[in-house]
């Protein structure tokens, strides 16, 4: 479940440009997604932070190579698991403006 939610967020934000570039329809299942950074900041009451900042706020260290897909994914999964254990609800809180994908 957690991996699916993380994947949905990554797909939603990274695929808009790819869809436009390849002249493809944006997948309907990705229009709504969970913006983890926004959820994290609201839940813990901190300013905008990156993955390393989130981990630092949780008392954890980044594991792996920054900006490596697998390392980032594993660290994001750790953040998600910690947030859920702390009581956060990770529901969809963002919507992709599909019209802007093809007009930009």
N, C-alpha and C. Protein backbone atom coordinates (compact mmCIF):
# COMPACT_ATOMS: atom_id res chain seq x y z
N UNK A 1 0.84 -1.20 0.00
CA UNK A 1 0.00 0.00 0.00
C UNK A 1 0.88 1.25 0.00
N UNK A 2 1.88 1.29 0.88
CA UNK A 2 2.74 2.47 0.95
C UNK A 2 3.50 2.68 -0.34
N UNK A 3 4.02 1.59 -0.89
CA UNK A 3 4.78 1.71 -2.13
C UNK A 3 3.90 2.24 -3.25
N UNK A 4 2.65 1.80 -3.30
CA UNK A 4 1.74 2.28 -4.33
C UNK A 4 1.51 3.78 -4.20
N UNK A 5 1.31 4.25 -2.96
CA UNK A 5 1.07 5.68 -2.73
C UNK A 5 2.29 6.51 -3.13
N UNK A 6 3.48 6.04 -2.77
CA UNK A 6 4.70 6.76 -3.15
C UNK A 6 4.83 6.77 -4.66
N UNK A 7 4.60 5.62 -5.28
CA UNK A 7 4.71 5.53 -6.73
C UNK A 7 3.73 6.47 -7.41
N UNK A 8 2.49 6.54 -6.89
CA UNK A 8 1.50 7.43 -7.48
C UNK A 8 1.96 8.88 -7.45
N UNK A 9 2.55 9.30 -6.33
CA UNK A 9 3.01 10.68 -6.22
C UNK A 9 4.14 10.97 -7.20
N UNK A 10 5.07 10.04 -7.32
CA UNK A 10 6.19 10.23 -8.24
C UNK A 10 5.68 10.24 -9.67
N UNK A 11 4.80 9.31 -10.00
CA UNK A 11 4.26 9.25 -11.36
C UNK A 11 3.52 10.53 -11.70
N UNK A 12 2.72 11.03 -10.77
CA UNK A 12 1.91 12.22 -11.04
C UNK A 12 2.77 13.43 -11.33
N UNK A 13 3.82 13.62 -10.58
CA UNK A 13 4.61 14.83 -10.73
C UNK A 13 5.67 14.72 -11.83
N UNK A 14 6.19 13.54 -12.07
CA UNK A 14 7.26 13.40 -13.05
C UNK A 14 6.74 13.10 -14.45
N UNK A 15 5.55 12.58 -14.56
CA UNK A 15 5.06 12.13 -15.86
C UNK A 15 4.37 13.19 -16.69
N UNK A 16 4.05 14.32 -16.10
CA UNK A 16 3.33 15.34 -16.88
C UNK A 16 4.15 15.78 -18.09
N UNK A 17 5.41 16.05 -17.88
CA UNK A 17 6.28 16.45 -18.98
C UNK A 17 6.50 15.34 -19.99
N UNK A 18 6.61 14.11 -19.50
CA UNK A 18 6.79 12.97 -20.40
C UNK A 18 5.57 12.77 -21.29
N UNK A 19 4.39 12.92 -20.70
CA UNK A 19 3.16 12.77 -21.49
C UNK A 19 3.09 13.84 -22.56
N UNK A 20 3.42 15.07 -22.19
CA UNK A 20 3.40 16.16 -23.17
C UNK A 20 4.43 15.90 -24.27
N UNK A 21 5.63 15.52 -23.88
CA UNK A 21 6.71 15.28 -24.84
C UNK A 21 6.34 14.18 -25.83
N UNK A 22 5.70 13.11 -25.32
CA UNK A 22 5.35 11.97 -26.16
C UNK A 22 3.93 12.04 -26.72
N UNK A 23 3.26 13.19 -26.50
CA UNK A 23 1.90 13.40 -26.98
C UNK A 23 0.97 12.26 -26.56
N UNK A 24 1.03 11.92 -25.28
CA UNK A 24 0.21 10.85 -24.72
C UNK A 24 -0.81 11.43 -23.76
N UNK A 25 -1.92 10.72 -23.58
CA UNK A 25 -2.89 11.10 -22.56
C UNK A 25 -2.30 10.86 -21.19
N UNK A 26 -2.59 11.77 -20.26
CA UNK A 26 -2.13 11.60 -18.88
C UNK A 26 -3.03 10.56 -18.20
N UNK A 27 -2.46 9.56 -17.50
CA UNK A 27 -3.28 8.50 -16.88
C UNK A 27 -4.25 9.07 -15.85
N UNK A 28 -5.52 8.74 -16.00
CA UNK A 28 -6.56 9.24 -15.10
C UNK A 28 -6.28 8.87 -13.64
N UNK A 29 -5.69 7.69 -13.40
CA UNK A 29 -5.43 7.26 -12.02
C UNK A 29 -4.39 8.13 -11.32
N UNK A 30 -3.68 8.96 -12.08
CA UNK A 30 -2.63 9.78 -11.50
C UNK A 30 -3.02 11.24 -11.33
N UNK A 31 -4.25 11.59 -11.66
CA UNK A 31 -4.66 12.99 -11.60
C UNK A 31 -4.69 13.49 -10.15
N UNK A 32 -5.16 12.65 -9.23
CA UNK A 32 -5.12 13.00 -7.81
C UNK A 32 -3.99 12.22 -7.17
N UNK A 33 -3.25 12.90 -6.28
CA UNK A 33 -2.13 12.22 -5.62
C UNK A 33 -1.85 12.86 -4.27
N UNK A 34 -1.01 12.21 -3.51
CA UNK A 34 -0.61 12.70 -2.19
C UNK A 34 0.71 13.44 -2.33
N UNK A 35 0.70 14.73 -2.02
CA UNK A 35 1.92 15.53 -2.00
C UNK A 35 2.56 15.30 -0.63
N UNK A 36 3.52 14.41 -0.59
CA UNK A 36 4.12 13.99 0.68
C UNK A 36 4.80 15.15 1.40
N UNK A 37 5.48 16.00 0.66
CA UNK A 37 6.17 17.13 1.29
C UNK A 37 5.17 18.03 2.02
N UNK A 38 4.05 18.34 1.35
CA UNK A 38 3.03 19.19 1.97
C UNK A 38 2.43 18.50 3.20
N UNK A 39 2.13 17.20 3.07
CA UNK A 39 1.58 16.45 4.21
C UNK A 39 2.57 16.47 5.38
N UNK A 40 3.84 16.25 5.08
CA UNK A 40 4.88 16.20 6.11
C UNK A 40 4.95 17.54 6.84
N UNK A 41 5.04 18.61 6.08
CA UNK A 41 5.18 19.95 6.69
C UNK A 41 3.96 20.30 7.54
N UNK A 42 2.76 20.00 7.04
CA UNK A 42 1.56 20.27 7.82
C UNK A 42 1.46 19.39 9.06
N UNK A 43 1.80 18.13 8.91
CA UNK A 43 1.66 17.18 10.02
C UNK A 43 2.65 17.48 11.15
N UNK A 44 3.89 17.77 10.79
CA UNK A 44 4.92 18.02 11.80
C UNK A 44 5.12 19.51 12.12
N UNK A 45 4.43 20.38 11.40
CA UNK A 45 4.53 21.81 11.66
C UNK A 45 5.89 22.39 11.38
N UNK A 46 6.49 21.98 10.24
CA UNK A 46 7.81 22.49 9.86
C UNK A 46 7.70 23.22 8.53
N UNK A 47 8.72 24.02 8.22
CA UNK A 47 8.76 24.72 6.93
C UNK A 47 9.09 23.72 5.83
N UNK A 48 9.02 24.17 4.61
CA UNK A 48 9.27 23.31 3.46
C UNK A 48 10.68 22.72 3.53
N UNK A 49 10.76 21.39 3.42
CA UNK A 49 12.04 20.69 3.49
C UNK A 49 12.13 19.66 2.37
N UNK A 50 13.36 19.27 2.06
CA UNK A 50 13.58 18.21 1.07
C UNK A 50 13.62 16.86 1.79
N UNK A 51 13.94 15.79 1.07
CA UNK A 51 13.96 14.45 1.66
C UNK A 51 14.93 14.40 2.83
N UNK A 52 16.12 14.95 2.65
CA UNK A 52 17.11 14.92 3.73
C UNK A 52 16.63 15.72 4.94
N UNK A 53 15.95 16.82 4.69
CA UNK A 53 15.39 17.61 5.78
C UNK A 53 14.29 16.88 6.53
N UNK A 54 13.46 16.16 5.78
CA UNK A 54 12.41 15.36 6.42
C UNK A 54 13.02 14.31 7.33
N UNK A 55 14.01 13.61 6.80
CA UNK A 55 14.68 12.57 7.59
C UNK A 55 15.33 13.16 8.84
N UNK A 56 15.97 14.30 8.69
CA UNK A 56 16.61 14.96 9.83
C UNK A 56 15.57 15.30 10.89
N UNK A 57 14.41 15.82 10.46
CA UNK A 57 13.34 16.14 11.41
C UNK A 57 12.84 14.89 12.14
N UNK A 58 12.97 13.74 11.50
CA UNK A 58 12.52 12.48 12.10
C UNK A 58 13.63 11.79 12.88
N UNK A 59 14.81 12.40 12.93
CA UNK A 59 15.93 11.79 13.64
C UNK A 59 16.57 10.65 12.88
N UNK A 60 16.41 10.67 11.56
CA UNK A 60 16.97 9.61 10.71
C UNK A 60 18.00 10.22 9.77
N UNK A 61 18.82 9.36 9.17
CA UNK A 61 19.81 9.80 8.20
C UNK A 61 19.47 9.27 6.83
N UNK A 62 19.87 10.01 5.80
CA UNK A 62 19.67 9.56 4.42
C UNK A 62 20.50 8.31 4.20
N UNK A 63 19.91 7.29 3.61
CA UNK A 63 20.60 6.04 3.34
C UNK A 63 20.77 5.89 1.84
N UNK A 64 22.00 5.88 1.36
CA UNK A 64 22.25 5.69 -0.06
C UNK A 64 22.80 6.94 -0.72
N UNK A 65 22.56 7.04 -2.01
CA UNK A 65 23.06 8.14 -2.83
C UNK A 65 21.93 9.10 -3.15
N UNK A 66 22.06 10.38 -2.75
CA UNK A 66 21.01 11.35 -3.08
C UNK A 66 20.74 11.42 -4.58
N UNK A 67 19.48 11.55 -4.93
CA UNK A 67 19.01 11.66 -6.30
C UNK A 67 19.14 10.36 -7.09
N UNK A 68 19.47 9.27 -6.39
CA UNK A 68 19.41 7.95 -7.00
C UNK A 68 17.98 7.47 -6.83
N UNK A 69 17.35 7.02 -7.89
CA UNK A 69 15.94 6.61 -7.82
C UNK A 69 15.66 5.62 -6.72
N UNK A 70 16.48 4.59 -6.60
CA UNK A 70 16.23 3.55 -5.59
C UNK A 70 16.48 4.08 -4.19
N UNK A 71 17.55 4.87 -4.01
CA UNK A 71 17.84 5.43 -2.68
C UNK A 71 16.75 6.41 -2.25
N UNK A 72 16.35 7.30 -3.16
CA UNK A 72 15.29 8.25 -2.83
C UNK A 72 14.00 7.52 -2.48
N UNK A 73 13.67 6.49 -3.28
CA UNK A 73 12.43 5.74 -3.03
C UNK A 73 12.45 5.05 -1.67
N UNK A 74 13.56 4.46 -1.32
CA UNK A 74 13.66 3.78 -0.02
C UNK A 74 13.55 4.78 1.13
N UNK A 75 14.19 5.92 0.98
CA UNK A 75 14.12 6.93 2.03
C UNK A 75 12.72 7.53 2.13
N UNK A 76 12.07 7.74 1.00
CA UNK A 76 10.69 8.24 1.02
C UNK A 76 9.78 7.20 1.69
N UNK A 77 10.00 5.93 1.38
CA UNK A 77 9.20 4.88 2.03
C UNK A 77 9.40 4.90 3.54
N UNK A 78 10.62 5.15 4.00
CA UNK A 78 10.87 5.26 5.45
C UNK A 78 10.12 6.44 6.04
N UNK A 79 10.10 7.55 5.33
CA UNK A 79 9.36 8.73 5.79
C UNK A 79 7.88 8.42 5.88
N UNK A 80 7.34 7.78 4.84
CA UNK A 80 5.92 7.42 4.81
C UNK A 80 5.58 6.51 5.99
N UNK A 81 6.37 5.49 6.20
CA UNK A 81 6.11 4.54 7.30
C UNK A 81 6.14 5.25 8.65
N UNK A 82 7.10 6.12 8.84
CA UNK A 82 7.20 6.86 10.10
C UNK A 82 5.99 7.76 10.29
N UNK A 83 5.58 8.45 9.23
CA UNK A 83 4.42 9.33 9.33
C UNK A 83 3.16 8.55 9.69
N UNK A 84 2.96 7.41 9.05
CA UNK A 84 1.78 6.59 9.35
C UNK A 84 1.82 6.09 10.79
N UNK A 85 2.99 5.65 11.23
CA UNK A 85 3.12 5.21 12.63
C UNK A 85 2.82 6.35 13.60
N UNK A 86 3.17 7.57 13.20
CA UNK A 86 2.91 8.74 14.04
C UNK A 86 1.46 9.24 13.94
N UNK A 87 0.67 8.61 13.07
CA UNK A 87 -0.75 8.95 12.99
C UNK A 87 -1.17 9.79 11.81
N UNK A 88 -0.28 10.04 10.88
CA UNK A 88 -0.63 10.84 9.69
C UNK A 88 -1.55 10.04 8.77
N UNK A 89 -2.46 10.74 8.14
CA UNK A 89 -3.34 10.15 7.13
C UNK A 89 -2.84 10.64 5.77
N UNK A 90 -2.41 9.71 4.95
CA UNK A 90 -1.81 10.08 3.66
C UNK A 90 -2.81 9.88 2.53
N UNK A 91 -3.80 10.76 2.49
CA UNK A 91 -4.78 10.73 1.43
C UNK A 91 -4.38 11.71 0.33
N UNK A 92 -5.09 11.67 -0.77
CA UNK A 92 -4.78 12.58 -1.88
C UNK A 92 -5.03 14.02 -1.46
N UNK A 93 -4.09 14.88 -1.73
CA UNK A 93 -4.22 16.30 -1.39
C UNK A 93 -3.81 17.23 -2.52
N UNK A 94 -3.57 16.67 -3.68
CA UNK A 94 -3.18 17.46 -4.86
C UNK A 94 -3.90 16.93 -6.08
N UNK A 95 -4.08 17.80 -7.05
CA UNK A 95 -4.70 17.43 -8.32
C UNK A 95 -3.85 18.00 -9.44
N UNK A 96 -3.54 17.18 -10.43
CA UNK A 96 -2.78 17.62 -11.59
C UNK A 96 -3.73 18.36 -12.52
N UNK A 97 -3.34 19.55 -12.96
CA UNK A 97 -4.12 20.29 -13.94
C UNK A 97 -3.79 19.72 -15.32
N UNK A 98 -4.60 18.78 -15.73
CA UNK A 98 -4.34 18.06 -16.98
C UNK A 98 -4.29 19.02 -18.17
N UNK A 99 -5.09 20.06 -18.17
CA UNK A 99 -5.08 21.01 -19.29
C UNK A 99 -3.73 21.69 -19.44
N UNK A 100 -3.03 21.95 -18.33
CA UNK A 100 -1.75 22.63 -18.41
C UNK A 100 -0.65 21.73 -18.98
N UNK A 101 -0.88 20.42 -18.95
CA UNK A 101 0.13 19.50 -19.47
C UNK A 101 0.33 19.74 -20.96
N UNK A 102 -0.75 20.00 -21.67
CA UNK A 102 -0.67 20.09 -23.12
C UNK A 102 -0.63 21.51 -23.64
N UNK A 103 -0.74 22.50 -22.75
CA UNK A 103 -0.69 23.88 -23.19
C UNK A 103 0.62 24.56 -22.82
N UNK A 104 1.45 23.91 -22.02
CA UNK A 104 2.71 24.53 -21.57
C UNK A 104 3.76 24.46 -22.66
